[in-house]
Amino acid sequence: MRPSAVVPVSLQETAAALAAAGLPVISPAAASGPARDVLLTGLTISSLEVEPGDLYVALPGARHHGAQFAEAAAAAGAAAVLTDSDGAERLGSLSVPVFVTADPRRLVGPLAAAVFGSRPQDGSAPTLFGVTGTNGKTTTTYFINSLLGALGKSTGLIGTIEILAGGEPIASTLTTPESPQVHGLLALMRQKGLDAAAMEVSSHAISYRRVDGVVFDVAGFTNLTQDHLDLHGSMEEYFAAKAALFTPERARHAVICVDDEWGAKLAAAAPVPVWTLATGPAADDTGPQPDWRVTDVERAGLGHRFVLRGPGGAVLRTGTGLPGTFNVSNAALAALMVLASGVPAAELQQALDSDPFTVEVPGRMQMVGTAPAAIVDFAHNPDALARTLASVRREAPASDTSAPGTGDEAPRVIIVFGATGQRDQTKRPLMGAIAARLADVVIITDDDPHDEDEAAIRADVSAGAREARQNEALACEIIEVAPRAAAIDRAVALARPQDTVLVAGRGHEVFQEVKGVNLVLDDRVELRQALTRYGFPVLSGDGVES
């Protein structure tokens, strides 16, 4: 998670440079004696990750102050400790210098950037792409890296599913790691000589300062829909967190999808050079026109082919084999972000001709079987669930004239899903209603309940589904089954070869958290086993699942 060798950096010189840039001042703690300089070769906010030569930054936390672990950090080889005044008062006698600052959290990113040398301005750093938005971040970063690979570039990846630094994948526990890890990874990628890297940038990462000190060459925006309101409180605050990425402190260029009102608002306000992208049908010609527009969308197998049209008659032709028009949006955004990084259009088109966007993304519209179509997806909020359900319904055979979902031979959509505990509770009935409208068989089960009562969460989702069915005279069947593996089994038991079974919400995840215990559970494994159990064919099990 960090380079093997770092040129030692002077804390005193670094602190002076940061102070000159308007960041909080660092000074020796009163009890630590006369000021003396310290040479640093690393930085961490976790006492468990200290390596010799590190600066240990002791931050205040929800339950404990990092200063409580400063002695352990010093014993592990920390060269110095940086904390706030409260933390300094908690410290006993340490064998290493102690420094204080008013806001240590604000300094973690800039200090890590300086110590690791992650983003120097000498052209040696990989071209860096950052993707934010509610849905589509993971797929877009995989698309970017696949396209870069088609261009002959070596790439890195930091995201929800895995971290890649030109070698074996590293399991990822956060959409965006903590700031010292981000800078350590970027420095490692630079050390390995990688050409480019793509990173998912969540609203949590921005709000918790995990990408402080990082300047992206190109930042991309997918969309903004209801999610994470447990953290942000309102859509306006959620938008403000995302918008902070599109400032000169964090990005040089931007490509913003303006299919929703939030994208249009962001594009109008962003103080960095912006290309706007519209991927849906044109509403009217009276408002601001996008710089780029997706046109000529045609079905091609499970996916789509399409054309990107831009300024001066520019045209890019491409497509994706992944299902769903939302993957057209993800592919278009990825193509334009790479174009915005300076790749010539002709060279880009040649790479697009190699079909780089038909690439498996673990847990994102991942096909496990074909008859029935068996799909695992990460859709875990109302908008994503609606888009995914709308994309998976198969057309009825030509000989069947019955309406979808009403005749014996009509293909049905069977969905298995739940809602996460200790998260935005308002989206639970919304997701239940969406499933009732767009699926024929709705199987409600557990997602990650965390410390909440599983039955209560299922009841919230079921209430939304049953209310929609009653008020809108829907014909869907609603079933509640737990645990999740049993729900997946029930779905496959009910399925016919022409149906679609969608298991939504957890995607690539391989553990289910219940009352503080991580239970082994991979939707792809469970779905594959159920298909085999009932005599249906399955696709290869190769991939990241355990």
Protein backbone atom coordinates (compact mmCIF):
# COMPACT_ATOMS: atom_id res chain seq x y z
CA MET A 1 0.00 0.00 0.00
CA ARG A 2 3.07 2.26 -0.18
CA PRO A 3 6.31 2.50 -2.17
CA SER A 4 9.29 0.42 -1.08
CA ALA A 5 11.59 3.44 -0.84
CA VAL A 6 10.92 7.10 -0.08
CA VAL A 7 13.41 9.98 0.05
CA PRO A 8 13.22 11.32 3.63
CA VAL A 9 11.27 14.55 3.96
CA SER A 10 11.84 17.27 6.53
CA LEU A 11 8.79 17.83 8.71
CA GLN A 12 9.92 21.36 9.51
CA GLU A 13 10.28 22.35 5.84
CA THR A 14 7.03 20.62 4.88
CA ALA A 15 5.14 22.30 7.73
CA ALA A 16 6.45 25.70 6.69
CA ALA A 17 5.39 25.15 3.07
CA LEU A 18 1.89 24.07 4.12
CA ALA A 19 1.52 27.05 6.45
CA ALA A 20 2.56 29.37 3.61
CA ALA A 21 -0.23 27.81 1.55
CA GLY A 22 -2.79 28.75 4.20
CA LEU A 23 -3.00 25.42 6.02
CA PRO A 24 -2.86 25.09 9.83
CA VAL A 25 0.46 25.75 11.53
CA ILE A 26 2.41 22.87 13.10
CA SER A 27 4.43 23.60 16.23
CA PRO A 28 6.24 21.54 18.89
CA ALA A 29 4.16 20.52 21.88
CA ALA A 30 5.05 22.41 25.05
CA ALA A 31 6.12 19.25 26.86
CA SER A 32 8.29 17.94 24.04
CA GLY A 33 11.19 20.32 24.59
CA PRO A 34 13.00 22.53 22.07
CA ALA A 35 11.95 22.33 18.44
CA ARG A 36 14.03 19.92 16.38
CA ASP A 37 13.54 18.77 12.85
CA VAL A 38 12.40 15.25 11.99
CA LEU A 39 12.97 13.34 8.77
CA LEU A 40 9.97 11.31 7.65
CA THR A 41 9.63 8.37 5.26
CA GLY A 42 5.93 7.66 5.78
CA LEU A 43 2.71 8.76 7.44
CA THR A 44 -0.21 6.93 8.99
CA ILE A 45 -3.29 7.60 11.13
CA SER A 46 -3.36 4.01 12.43
CA SER A 47 -1.00 2.91 15.17
CA LEU A 48 -1.34 -0.64 13.79
CA GLU A 49 0.16 0.40 10.46
CA VAL A 50 3.18 2.34 11.71
CA GLU A 51 6.48 1.64 9.96
CA PRO A 52 9.87 2.98 11.08
CA GLY A 53 10.26 6.62 10.06
CA ASP A 54 6.51 7.36 9.96
CA LEU A 55 4.74 10.41 11.27
CA TYR A 56 1.88 9.10 13.39
CA VAL A 57 -1.07 11.52 13.20
CA ALA A 58 -3.23 11.03 16.29
CA LEU A 59 -6.76 12.14 15.38
CA PRO A 60 -9.85 12.51 17.56
CA GLY A 61 -12.36 9.73 16.87
CA ALA A 62 -15.95 8.88 17.69
CA ARG A 63 -14.94 6.54 20.54
CA HIS A 64 -11.25 7.11 21.19
CA HIS A 65 -8.60 9.71 20.59
CA GLY A 66 -5.63 8.52 18.56
CA ALA A 67 -3.35 9.94 21.22
CA GLN A 68 -4.22 6.90 23.35
CA PHE A 69 -2.19 4.79 20.92
CA ALA A 70 0.78 7.13 20.51
CA GLU A 71 3.01 5.10 22.83
CA ALA A 72 2.39 1.98 20.73
CA ALA A 73 3.11 4.01 17.58
CA ALA A 74 6.43 5.21 19.01
CA ALA A 75 7.36 1.68 20.00
CA ALA A 76 6.64 0.54 16.44
CA GLY A 77 9.15 3.05 15.08
CA ALA A 78 7.23 6.29 14.54
CA ALA A 79 9.64 9.20 14.13
CA ALA A 80 7.19 11.74 15.58
CA VAL A 81 3.58 12.26 16.64
CA LEU A 82 1.25 14.99 15.39
CA THR A 83 -1.98 15.67 17.22
CA ASP A 84 -4.28 18.45 18.45
CA SER A 85 -4.14 20.20 21.82
CA ASP A 86 -6.59 17.74 23.37
CA GLY A 87 -4.48 14.84 22.19
CA ALA A 88 -1.29 16.44 23.49
CA GLU A 89 -2.82 16.68 26.96
CA ARG A 90 -3.58 12.95 26.89
CA LEU A 91 0.00 11.98 26.08
CA GLY A 92 2.43 10.73 28.63
CA SER A 93 6.18 10.83 28.23
CA LEU A 94 7.15 9.71 24.73
CA SER A 95 10.52 8.85 23.27
CA VAL A 96 9.76 10.79 20.07
CA PRO A 97 8.97 14.46 19.38
CA VAL A 98 5.35 15.56 19.62
CA PHE A 99 3.85 18.30 17.45
CA VAL A 100 0.47 19.99 17.67
CA THR A 101 -1.85 21.74 15.24
CA ALA A 102 -5.36 23.11 15.46
CA ASP A 103 -6.83 20.81 12.78
CA PRO A 104 -4.71 17.70 12.21
CA ARG A 105 -7.33 16.04 9.99
CA ARG A 106 -7.01 18.90 7.48
CA LEU A 107 -3.26 18.31 7.25
CA VAL A 108 -3.25 14.53 6.75
CA GLY A 109 -3.70 14.61 2.97
CA PRO A 110 -1.24 17.42 2.17
CA LEU A 111 1.35 15.93 4.53
CA ALA A 112 0.93 12.46 3.02
CA ALA A 113 1.31 13.92 -0.48
CA ALA A 114 4.55 15.63 0.54
CA VAL A 115 6.02 12.67 2.42
CA PHE A 116 5.21 10.03 -0.21
CA GLY A 117 5.80 12.34 -3.20
CA SER A 118 2.63 10.94 -4.72
CA ARG A 119 1.77 13.67 -7.24
CA PRO A 120 4.89 15.64 -8.24
CA GLN A 121 4.64 18.19 -11.02
CA ASP A 122 7.57 16.77 -13.02
CA GLY A 123 5.43 14.57 -15.28
CA SER A 124 6.40 11.32 -13.54
CA ALA A 125 3.03 10.73 -11.90
CA PRO A 126 0.42 8.55 -13.66
CA THR A 127 -2.45 10.36 -15.36
CA LEU A 128 -5.18 10.22 -12.73
CA PHE A 129 -8.92 9.82 -13.35
CA GLY A 130 -11.47 10.29 -10.56
CA VAL A 131 -15.12 9.22 -10.91
CA THR A 132 -17.88 10.29 -8.56
CA GLY A 133 -21.68 10.06 -8.51
CA THR A 134 -24.27 7.86 -6.85
CA ASN A 135 -24.31 5.01 -9.37
CA GLY A 136 -21.87 3.82 -12.00
CA LYS A 137 -18.55 4.72 -10.36
CA THR A 138 -17.15 1.21 -10.30
CA THR A 139 -18.16 0.26 -13.84
CA THR A 140 -16.88 3.57 -15.23
CA THR A 141 -13.45 3.09 -13.63
CA TYR A 142 -13.24 -0.45 -15.04
CA PHE A 143 -14.24 0.92 -18.45
CA ILE A 144 -11.57 3.64 -18.23
CA ASN A 145 -8.86 1.12 -17.41
CA SER A 146 -10.00 -1.28 -20.12
CA LEU A 147 -9.89 1.52 -22.68
CA LEU A 148 -6.47 2.63 -21.47
CA GLY A 149 -5.31 -0.97 -21.78
CA ALA A 150 -6.52 -0.99 -25.39
CA LEU A 151 -4.38 2.11 -25.88
CA GLY A 152 -1.36 0.18 -24.62
CA LYS A 153 -1.21 1.93 -21.25
CA SER A 154 -0.30 0.30 -17.94
CA THR A 155 -2.91 1.14 -15.30
CA GLY A 156 -3.81 1.16 -11.63
CA LEU A 157 -7.19 1.11 -9.90
CA ILE A 158 -8.50 2.23 -6.52
CA GLY A 159 -12.12 1.30 -5.89
CA THR A 160 -14.89 -0.56 -4.14
CA ILE A 161 -14.01 -4.01 -5.39
CA GLU A 162 -10.24 -4.07 -5.51
CA ILE A 163 -7.05 -2.06 -5.66
CA LEU A 164 -4.61 -2.66 -8.49
CA ALA A 165 -1.12 -1.22 -8.68
CA GLY A 166 0.17 -3.05 -11.73
CA GLY A 167 0.19 -6.43 -9.95
CA GLU A 168 -2.04 -8.74 -8.00
CA PRO A 169 -5.37 -7.29 -6.83
CA ILE A 170 -5.62 -6.08 -3.23
CA ALA A 171 -9.01 -6.51 -1.55
CA SER A 172 -10.70 -3.16 -0.90
CA THR A 173 -12.73 -2.38 2.22
CA LEU A 174 -13.64 1.22 1.39
CA THR A 175 -14.72 2.81 -1.89
CA THR A 176 -11.84 5.23 -1.31
CA PRO A 177 -9.13 4.29 1.27
CA GLU A 178 -7.93 6.71 3.95
CA SER A 179 -5.76 9.59 2.77
CA PRO A 180 -2.32 8.15 3.75
CA GLN A 181 -3.18 4.93 1.89
CA VAL A 182 -4.35 6.85 -1.17
CA HIS A 183 -1.09 8.79 -1.36
CA GLY A 184 0.96 5.68 -0.60
CA LEU A 185 -0.80 3.82 -3.42
CA LEU A 186 -0.36 6.68 -5.87
CA ALA A 187 3.33 6.83 -4.98
CA LEU A 188 3.58 3.06 -5.43
CA MET A 189 1.99 3.36 -8.88
CA ARG A 190 4.46 6.10 -9.75
CA GLN A 191 7.35 3.93 -8.53
CA LYS A 192 6.11 1.07 -10.74
CA GLY A 193 6.04 3.41 -13.74
CA LEU A 194 2.33 3.06 -14.44
CA ASP A 195 0.90 5.31 -17.12
CA ALA A 196 -2.49 6.02 -15.57
CA ALA A 197 -4.87 5.15 -12.74
CA ALA A 198 -8.60 5.39 -12.13
CA MET A 199 -10.16 5.98 -8.73
CA GLU A 200 -13.69 5.89 -7.37
CA VAL A 201 -14.32 9.00 -5.28
CA SER A 202 -17.25 8.65 -2.90
CA SER A 203 -18.98 11.46 -1.06
CA HIS A 204 -17.64 9.91 2.15
CA ALA A 205 -14.11 10.22 0.76
CA ILE A 206 -14.58 13.91 0.05
CA SER A 207 -16.36 14.69 3.33
CA TYR A 208 -13.83 12.75 5.41
CA ARG A 209 -10.88 14.29 3.53
CA ARG A 210 -9.61 10.99 2.10
CA VAL A 211 -8.63 12.66 -1.20
CA ASP A 212 -7.13 15.82 0.25
CA GLY A 213 -3.87 16.62 -1.47
CA VAL A 214 -4.90 14.71 -4.63
CA VAL A 215 -5.38 16.62 -7.89
CA PHE A 216 -7.07 14.55 -10.59
CA ASP A 217 -6.19 15.17 -14.21
CA VAL A 218 -9.80 14.41 -15.17
CA ALA A 219 -12.79 14.14 -12.82
CA GLY A 220 -16.03 12.56 -14.02
CA PHE A 221 -19.61 12.77 -12.71
CA THR A 222 -22.18 10.03 -13.37
CA ASN A 223 -25.41 11.03 -11.63
CA LEU A 224 -26.91 11.94 -8.27
CA THR A 225 -29.86 10.07 -6.76
CA GLN A 226 -31.04 9.38 -3.22
CA ASP A 227 -28.40 7.63 -1.16
CA HIS A 228 -26.21 8.27 1.89
CA LEU A 229 -28.70 10.70 3.43
CA ASP A 230 -27.82 9.12 6.77
CA LEU A 231 -24.49 10.93 6.40
CA HIS A 232 -25.42 14.07 4.47
CA GLY A 233 -28.93 14.78 5.76
CA SER A 234 -30.29 16.19 2.50
CA MET A 235 -29.78 15.96 -1.24
CA GLU A 236 -28.38 19.50 -1.21
CA GLU A 237 -25.65 18.52 1.26
CA TYR A 238 -24.98 15.33 -0.70
CA PHE A 239 -24.59 17.41 -3.87
CA ALA A 240 -22.27 19.87 -2.12
CA ALA A 241 -19.98 17.01 -1.09
CA LYS A 242 -19.77 15.75 -4.68
CA ALA A 243 -19.30 19.26 -6.09
CA ALA A 244 -16.19 19.76 -3.94
CA LEU A 245 -14.34 17.38 -6.28
CA PHE A 246 -14.82 19.74 -9.23
CA THR A 247 -12.64 22.56 -7.95
CA PRO A 248 -9.10 23.61 -8.92
CA GLU A 249 -7.79 22.14 -5.65
CA ARG A 250 -8.92 18.66 -6.73
CA ALA A 251 -9.30 18.53 -10.53
CA ARG A 252 -7.82 20.02 -13.69
CA HIS A 253 -10.59 19.04 -16.11
CA ALA A 254 -14.10 17.60 -15.76
CA VAL A 255 -16.58 15.57 -17.77
CA ILE A 256 -20.06 15.87 -16.29
CA CYS A 257 -23.11 13.85 -17.28
CA VAL A 258 -26.05 16.27 -17.35
CA ASP A 259 -28.89 13.76 -17.63
CA ASP A 260 -30.26 14.84 -14.24
CA GLU A 261 -30.78 18.26 -12.67
CA TRP A 262 -27.84 17.80 -10.34
CA GLY A 263 -25.43 17.23 -13.21
CA ALA A 264 -26.67 20.36 -14.96
CA LYS A 265 -26.31 22.33 -11.73
CA LEU A 266 -22.79 21.02 -11.20
CA ALA A 267 -21.70 21.82 -14.76
CA ALA A 268 -22.98 25.38 -14.44
CA ALA A 269 -21.15 26.01 -11.17
CA ALA A 270 -17.87 24.07 -11.54
CA PRO A 271 -14.86 26.45 -11.64
CA VAL A 272 -12.77 24.06 -13.76
CA PRO A 273 -12.88 23.40 -17.54
CA VAL A 274 -15.93 21.20 -18.20
CA TRP A 275 -17.24 19.01 -20.98
CA THR A 276 -20.93 18.24 -20.58
CA LEU A 277 -22.39 14.91 -21.69
CA ALA A 278 -26.03 13.99 -22.34
CA THR A 279 -26.76 10.28 -22.67
CA GLY A 280 -30.57 10.29 -22.63
CA PRO A 281 -33.11 11.49 -25.20
CA ALA A 282 -32.95 15.22 -25.96
CA ALA A 283 -35.68 16.99 -23.99
CA ASP A 284 -35.74 20.23 -25.98
CA ASP A 285 -33.45 22.66 -27.75
CA THR A 286 -34.21 25.72 -25.63
CA GLY A 287 -31.79 25.19 -22.76
CA PRO A 288 -28.01 24.91 -22.71
CA GLN A 289 -26.85 22.27 -25.16
CA PRO A 290 -24.36 19.60 -24.07
CA ASP A 291 -20.88 19.52 -25.54
CA TRP A 292 -21.30 15.81 -26.27
CA ARG A 293 -24.42 13.71 -26.83
CA VAL A 294 -25.07 9.99 -27.15
CA THR A 295 -27.06 9.17 -30.31
CA ASP A 296 -27.98 6.19 -32.51
CA VAL A 297 -28.34 3.76 -29.62
CA GLU A 298 -29.04 0.25 -30.92
CA ARG A 299 -29.39 -3.08 -29.16
CA ALA A 300 -26.48 -5.45 -29.79
CA GLY A 301 -26.96 -8.75 -27.98
CA LEU A 302 -27.33 -8.00 -24.29
CA GLY A 303 -25.69 -4.59 -24.73
CA HIS A 304 -25.81 -1.62 -27.07
CA ARG A 305 -23.89 0.17 -29.81
CA PHE A 306 -23.99 3.96 -29.90
CA VAL A 307 -22.42 7.11 -31.29
CA LEU A 308 -20.92 10.05 -29.40
CA ARG A 309 -21.29 13.38 -31.21
CA GLY A 310 -19.35 16.43 -30.09
CA PRO A 311 -18.09 19.89 -31.01
CA GLY A 312 -17.22 20.64 -34.63
CA GLY A 313 -18.85 17.48 -35.92
CA ALA A 314 -16.63 15.18 -33.86
CA VAL A 315 -17.85 11.57 -33.85
CA LEU A 316 -16.82 8.56 -31.76
CA ARG A 317 -18.42 5.15 -32.35
CA THR A 318 -18.42 2.51 -29.64
CA GLY A 319 -20.60 0.21 -27.54
CA THR A 320 -20.74 -2.14 -24.60
CA GLY A 321 -21.81 -5.73 -24.22
CA LEU A 322 -23.02 -5.13 -20.66
CA PRO A 323 -26.82 -4.94 -20.26
CA GLY A 324 -28.62 -1.70 -19.48
CA THR A 325 -28.75 1.75 -21.00
CA PHE A 326 -27.03 3.01 -17.85
CA ASN A 327 -23.95 1.16 -19.08
CA VAL A 328 -24.18 3.21 -22.27
CA SER A 329 -23.89 6.26 -20.01
CA ASN A 330 -20.94 4.74 -18.13
CA ALA A 331 -19.15 3.84 -21.36
CA ALA A 332 -19.72 7.29 -22.88
CA LEU A 333 -18.36 8.97 -19.76
CA ALA A 334 -15.29 6.72 -19.74
CA ALA A 335 -14.56 7.45 -23.41
CA LEU A 336 -14.80 11.21 -22.95
CA MET A 337 -12.69 11.22 -19.79
CA VAL A 338 -9.88 9.47 -21.66
CA LEU A 339 -10.30 11.88 -24.58
CA ALA A 340 -10.16 14.82 -22.15
CA SER A 341 -6.82 13.53 -20.80
CA GLY A 342 -5.22 14.39 -24.14
CA VAL A 343 -5.47 11.16 -26.16
CA PRO A 344 -5.94 12.07 -29.86
CA ALA A 345 -9.44 11.28 -31.19
CA ALA A 346 -8.19 9.07 -34.02
CA GLU A 347 -6.07 7.01 -31.64
CA LEU A 348 -9.00 6.77 -29.23
CA GLN A 349 -11.36 5.57 -31.97
CA GLN A 350 -8.92 2.83 -32.92
CA ALA A 351 -8.94 1.63 -29.30
CA LEU A 352 -12.74 1.87 -29.14
CA ASP A 353 -12.96 -0.39 -32.18
CA SER A 354 -11.48 -3.20 -30.07
CA ASP A 355 -14.64 -3.28 -27.90
CA PRO A 356 -12.98 -2.32 -24.58
CA PHE A 357 -16.29 -1.73 -22.80
CA THR A 358 -17.34 -5.37 -23.04
CA VAL A 359 -15.48 -6.32 -19.90
CA GLU A 360 -16.69 -8.18 -16.83
CA VAL A 361 -17.06 -5.95 -13.79
CA PRO A 362 -17.35 -8.12 -10.66
CA GLY A 363 -20.81 -7.84 -9.13
CA ARG A 364 -22.01 -5.26 -11.65
CA MET A 365 -24.59 -6.79 -14.00
CA GLN A 366 -22.51 -9.95 -13.72
CA MET A 367 -24.01 -12.89 -15.61
CA VAL A 368 -23.95 -16.17 -13.70
CA GLY A 369 -26.32 -18.14 -15.94
CA THR A 370 -28.20 -17.72 -19.21
CA ALA A 371 -31.29 -19.98 -19.03
CA PRO A 372 -32.70 -18.54 -16.87
CA ALA A 373 -30.70 -15.34 -17.19
CA ALA A 374 -29.12 -15.11 -13.73
CA ILE A 375 -27.58 -11.78 -12.84
CA VAL A 376 -25.90 -10.34 -9.73
CA ASP A 377 -25.80 -6.56 -9.39
CA PHE A 378 -24.85 -4.02 -6.74
CA ALA A 379 -28.06 -1.95 -7.13
CA HIS A 380 -28.79 -0.87 -3.56
CA ASN A 381 -30.70 2.41 -3.89
CA PRO A 382 -33.97 3.34 -5.60
CA ASP A 383 -32.57 4.76 -8.83
CA ALA A 384 -30.09 1.94 -9.40
CA LEU A 385 -32.74 -0.68 -8.66
CA ALA A 386 -35.18 0.88 -11.12
CA ARG A 387 -32.57 1.13 -13.88
CA THR A 388 -31.38 -2.41 -13.34
CA LEU A 389 -34.86 -3.93 -13.30
CA ALA A 390 -35.84 -2.03 -16.44
CA SER A 391 -32.78 -3.39 -18.25
CA VAL A 392 -33.15 -7.11 -17.51
CA ARG A 393 -36.64 -7.94 -18.78
CA ARG A 394 -36.50 -10.21 -21.78
CA GLU A 395 -38.80 -9.85 -24.76
CA ALA A 396 -41.54 -12.46 -25.11
CA PRO A 397 -41.04 -15.07 -27.86
CA ALA A 398 -42.48 -14.00 -31.22
CA SER A 399 -45.13 -16.73 -31.00
CA ASP A 400 -46.41 -15.44 -27.66
CA THR A 401 -48.91 -12.59 -28.00
CA SER A 402 -49.67 -12.27 -24.30
CA ALA A 403 -48.61 -9.20 -22.35
CA PRO A 404 -45.28 -9.51 -20.50
CA GLY A 405 -45.74 -11.26 -17.21
CA THR A 406 -49.31 -12.46 -17.84
CA GLY A 407 -49.04 -15.51 -20.09
CA ASP A 408 -47.64 -18.96 -19.36
CA GLU A 409 -44.71 -18.48 -21.72
CA ALA A 410 -44.01 -14.82 -21.07
CA PRO A 411 -40.57 -14.26 -19.54
CA ARG A 412 -40.76 -13.12 -15.95
CA VAL A 413 -38.39 -11.09 -13.80
CA ILE A 414 -37.73 -12.57 -10.35
CA ILE A 415 -35.84 -10.29 -7.99
CA VAL A 416 -34.11 -11.08 -4.71
CA PHE A 417 -33.09 -8.05 -2.66
CA GLY A 418 -33.22 -6.34 0.73
CA ALA A 419 -32.01 -3.15 2.39
CA THR A 420 -28.93 -2.36 4.44
CA GLY A 421 -29.29 -1.78 8.15
CA GLN A 422 -28.21 1.45 9.87
CA ARG A 423 -28.45 3.39 6.62
CA ASP A 424 -31.01 5.74 5.07
CA GLN A 425 -34.32 4.16 6.14
CA THR A 426 -36.46 6.30 3.83
CA LYS A 427 -35.28 4.42 0.74
CA ARG A 428 -36.53 1.03 1.98
CA PRO A 429 -40.24 1.37 1.06
CA LEU A 430 -39.23 3.20 -2.13
CA MET A 431 -37.17 0.21 -3.22
CA GLY A 432 -40.00 -2.16 -2.31
CA ALA A 433 -42.42 -0.18 -4.48
CA ILE A 434 -39.98 -0.12 -7.41
CA ALA A 435 -39.55 -3.89 -7.24
CA ALA A 436 -43.33 -4.39 -7.17
CA ARG A 437 -43.77 -2.25 -10.29
CA LEU A 438 -40.96 -3.72 -12.36
CA ALA A 439 -40.70 -7.39 -11.31
CA ASP A 440 -43.17 -10.27 -11.52
CA VAL A 441 -41.92 -12.08 -8.42
CA VAL A 442 -40.50 -10.01 -5.56
CA ILE A 443 -38.50 -11.94 -2.97
CA ILE A 444 -37.57 -9.71 -0.04
CA THR A 445 -34.70 -10.89 2.13
CA ASP A 446 -31.76 -9.59 4.17
CA ASP A 447 -28.90 -7.45 2.89
CA ASP A 448 -26.32 -6.39 5.51
CA PRO A 449 -28.46 -5.76 8.61
CA HIS A 450 -25.48 -4.68 10.73
CA ASP A 451 -26.90 -4.15 14.24
CA GLU A 452 -30.54 -3.65 13.20
CA ASP A 453 -33.28 -6.25 13.50
CA GLU A 454 -33.44 -8.12 10.19
CA ALA A 455 -37.19 -8.68 10.35
CA ALA A 456 -37.86 -4.97 10.91
CA ILE A 457 -35.82 -4.05 7.84
CA ARG A 458 -37.65 -6.61 5.72
CA ALA A 459 -40.95 -5.25 7.02
CA ASP A 460 -40.06 -1.71 5.86
CA VAL A 461 -39.24 -2.97 2.35
CA SER A 462 -42.31 -5.23 2.24
CA ALA A 463 -44.60 -2.38 3.28
CA GLY A 464 -43.54 -0.33 0.27
CA ALA A 465 -43.99 -3.28 -2.09
CA ARG A 466 -47.41 -4.27 -0.77
CA GLU A 467 -48.69 -0.70 -0.73
CA ALA A 468 -47.67 -0.20 -4.35
CA ARG A 469 -49.25 -3.50 -5.37
CA GLN A 470 -52.53 -2.57 -3.71
CA ASN A 471 -52.71 1.09 -4.76
CA GLU A 472 -51.58 0.50 -8.34
CA ALA A 473 -53.36 -2.85 -8.94
CA LEU A 474 -50.09 -4.63 -9.70
CA ALA A 475 -50.02 -8.35 -10.43
CA CYS A 476 -46.66 -9.18 -8.84
CA GLU A 477 -46.15 -11.90 -6.25
CA ILE A 478 -44.45 -10.75 -3.03
CA ILE A 479 -42.58 -13.26 -0.88
CA GLU A 480 -40.43 -12.76 2.21
CA VAL A 481 -37.64 -15.32 2.68
CA ALA A 482 -34.67 -15.36 5.04
CA PRO A 483 -31.80 -16.00 5.25
CA ARG A 484 -30.49 -14.64 1.95
CA ALA A 485 -29.12 -17.94 0.64
CA ALA A 486 -32.57 -19.49 1.07
CA ALA A 487 -34.12 -16.55 -0.81
CA ILE A 488 -31.75 -17.07 -3.73
CA ASP A 489 -32.62 -20.78 -3.74
CA ARG A 490 -36.34 -19.96 -3.78
CA ALA A 491 -35.90 -17.62 -6.74
CA VAL A 492 -34.14 -20.28 -8.81
CA ALA A 493 -36.68 -22.93 -7.77
CA LEU A 494 -39.45 -20.69 -9.17
CA ALA A 495 -37.59 -19.83 -12.37
CA ARG A 496 -38.09 -21.19 -15.88
CA PRO A 497 -35.45 -21.07 -18.62
CA GLN A 498 -37.01 -18.00 -20.24
CA ASP A 499 -37.10 -16.02 -16.97
CA THR A 500 -34.57 -13.62 -15.44
CA VAL A 501 -33.37 -13.97 -11.85
CA LEU A 502 -31.81 -10.77 -10.50
CA VAL A 503 -30.03 -10.82 -7.15
CA ALA A 504 -29.50 -7.18 -6.21
CA GLY A 505 -27.85 -5.13 -3.50
CA ARG A 506 -24.57 -6.78 -2.55
CA GLY A 507 -22.81 -7.34 -5.87
CA HIS A 508 -19.17 -8.32 -5.32
CA GLU A 509 -19.37 -8.52 -1.52
CA VAL A 510 -18.34 -11.83 0.03
CA PHE A 511 -19.34 -11.25 3.67
CA GLN A 512 -22.68 -10.34 5.26
CA GLU A 513 -22.42 -8.34 8.48
CA VAL A 514 -24.91 -9.48 11.13
CA LYS A 515 -24.63 -8.18 14.70
CA GLY A 516 -20.93 -7.47 14.34
CA VAL A 517 -20.14 -10.86 12.79
CA ASN A 518 -19.03 -11.25 9.15
CA LEU A 519 -20.77 -14.28 7.69
CA VAL A 520 -19.37 -15.76 4.48
CA LEU A 521 -21.93 -15.02 1.77
CA ASP A 522 -21.31 -14.39 -1.93
CA ASP A 523 -24.45 -13.91 -4.04
CA ARG A 524 -22.63 -15.19 -7.13
CA VAL A 525 -21.62 -18.42 -5.40
CA GLU A 526 -25.10 -18.95 -3.94
CA LEU A 527 -26.77 -18.26 -7.29
CA ARG A 528 -24.39 -20.55 -9.17
CA GLN A 529 -24.98 -23.37 -6.67
CA ALA A 530 -28.76 -22.94 -6.86
CA LEU A 531 -28.72 -23.04 -10.66
CA THR A 532 -26.70 -26.26 -10.56
CA ARG A 533 -28.99 -27.72 -7.92
CA TYR A 534 -32.04 -27.26 -10.13
CA GLY A 535 -30.37 -28.44 -13.32
CA PHE A 536 -29.79 -25.07 -15.03
CA PRO A 537 -26.54 -24.24 -16.87
CA VAL A 538 -24.03 -21.86 -15.29
CA LEU A 539 -21.27 -19.68 -16.68
CA SER A 540 -17.64 -19.92 -15.57
CA GLY A 541 -16.93 -19.23 -11.93
CA ASP A 542 -13.66 -17.46 -12.69
CA GLY A 543 -13.42 -14.06 -11.04
CA VAL A 544 -12.75 -12.42 -7.71
CA GLU A 545 -15.31 -14.32 -5.66
CA SER A 546 -13.90 -16.52 -2.94
